[in-house]
Amino acid sequence: MDIKLEVVLKPDIEAALFQRAKAEGLSLDQFAARVLETAALTEPSPKQATPDERVKAFDSFVAGLESSAVLAESAFERESWYPDR
């Protein structure tokens, strides 16, 4: 089944699309159809998580980790990282 669409574009947008179609050896109708077909068959990008959702996901991830040994504060001193200096 074919559908015919009418799309109203600003003149500068139409000109840009026309140039891209021409560069690919297509009519504007063919180019627009290809762009729409590609858009229809492409998976939408996942919804961007909000900051609160990212925090909850991170907290959930951290909660699932095994607890590790607690390091002594001296382990974070420069001398512990670079003993030869």
Protein backbone atom coordinates (compact mmCIF):
# COMPACT_ATOMS: atom_id res chain seq x y z
CA MET A 1 0.00 0.00 0.00
CA ASP A 2 1.41 3.37 -0.97
CA ILE A 3 0.55 6.59 0.79
CA LYS A 4 0.95 10.06 -0.58
CA LEU A 5 1.99 12.73 1.93
CA GLU A 6 2.08 16.44 1.61
CA VAL A 7 4.76 18.08 3.71
CA VAL A 8 5.07 21.83 4.14
CA LEU A 9 8.71 22.89 4.49
CA LYS A 10 10.45 26.20 4.89
CA PRO A 11 12.12 27.21 1.62
CA ASP A 12 15.65 26.84 3.01
CA ILE A 13 14.90 23.32 4.26
CA GLU A 14 13.39 22.35 0.93
CA ALA A 15 16.44 23.71 -0.89
CA ALA A 16 18.81 21.79 1.38
CA LEU A 17 16.88 18.55 0.88
CA PHE A 18 16.72 19.14 -2.86
CA GLN A 19 20.52 19.57 -2.98
CA ARG A 20 21.08 16.37 -1.01
CA ALA A 21 18.67 14.47 -3.25
CA LYS A 22 20.35 15.85 -6.37
CA ALA A 23 23.80 14.87 -5.03
CA GLU A 24 22.55 11.29 -4.71
CA GLY A 25 20.88 11.27 -8.12
CA LEU A 26 17.37 11.12 -6.68
CA SER A 27 14.27 13.22 -7.04
CA LEU A 28 13.12 15.05 -3.94
CA ASP A 29 10.20 12.61 -3.64
CA GLN A 30 12.53 9.59 -3.84
CA PHE A 31 14.96 11.09 -1.35
CA ALA A 32 12.17 11.98 1.11
CA ALA A 33 10.67 8.49 0.80
CA ARG A 34 14.05 6.90 1.53
CA VAL A 35 14.62 9.13 4.56
CA LEU A 36 11.16 8.32 5.94
CA GLU A 37 11.62 4.58 5.30
CA THR A 38 14.95 4.65 7.12
CA ALA A 39 13.41 6.53 10.05
CA ALA A 40 10.54 4.05 10.25
CA LEU A 41 12.84 1.03 10.31
CA THR A 42 15.40 2.43 12.75
CA GLU A 43 15.00 1.58 16.41
CA PRO A 44 14.34 4.69 18.48
CA SER A 45 17.16 5.63 20.79
CA PRO A 46 16.52 4.77 24.41
CA LYS A 47 14.97 7.42 26.59
CA GLN A 48 17.55 9.54 28.35
CA ALA A 49 17.48 8.80 32.07
CA THR A 50 16.87 11.67 34.45
CA PRO A 51 19.51 12.43 37.10
CA ASP A 52 17.31 10.82 39.77
CA GLU A 53 16.92 7.68 37.65
CA ARG A 54 20.70 7.49 37.15
CA VAL A 55 21.27 7.81 40.91
CA LYS A 56 18.75 5.04 41.62
CA ALA A 57 20.34 2.79 38.98
CA PHE A 58 23.81 3.42 40.39
CA ASP A 59 22.66 2.80 43.97
CA SER A 60 21.02 -0.43 42.85
CA PHE A 61 24.23 -1.47 41.06
CA VAL A 62 26.38 -0.71 44.11
CA ALA A 63 23.98 -2.54 46.43
CA GLY A 64 24.46 -5.68 44.34
CA LEU A 65 28.25 -5.65 44.71
CA GLU A 66 29.98 -7.79 47.25
CA SER A 67 31.41 -5.75 50.07
CA SER A 68 35.14 -5.29 49.88
CA ALA A 69 37.72 -5.01 52.55
CA VAL A 70 38.04 -1.63 54.18
CA LEU A 71 41.40 -0.06 53.45
CA ALA A 72 43.40 1.77 56.03
CA GLU A 73 43.61 5.50 55.48
CA SER A 74 47.36 5.16 54.93
CA ALA A 75 46.59 3.23 51.72
CA PHE A 76 45.47 6.50 50.18
CA GLU A 77 48.59 8.46 51.06
CA ARG A 78 51.00 9.40 48.28
CA GLU A 79 53.80 7.36 49.83
CA SER A 80 51.70 4.22 49.58
CA TRP A 81 51.10 4.78 45.87
CA TYR A 82 54.68 5.75 45.00
CA PRO A 83 56.91 4.03 47.55
CA ASP A 84 60.11 4.63 45.52
CA ARG A 85 59.75 8.43 45.62
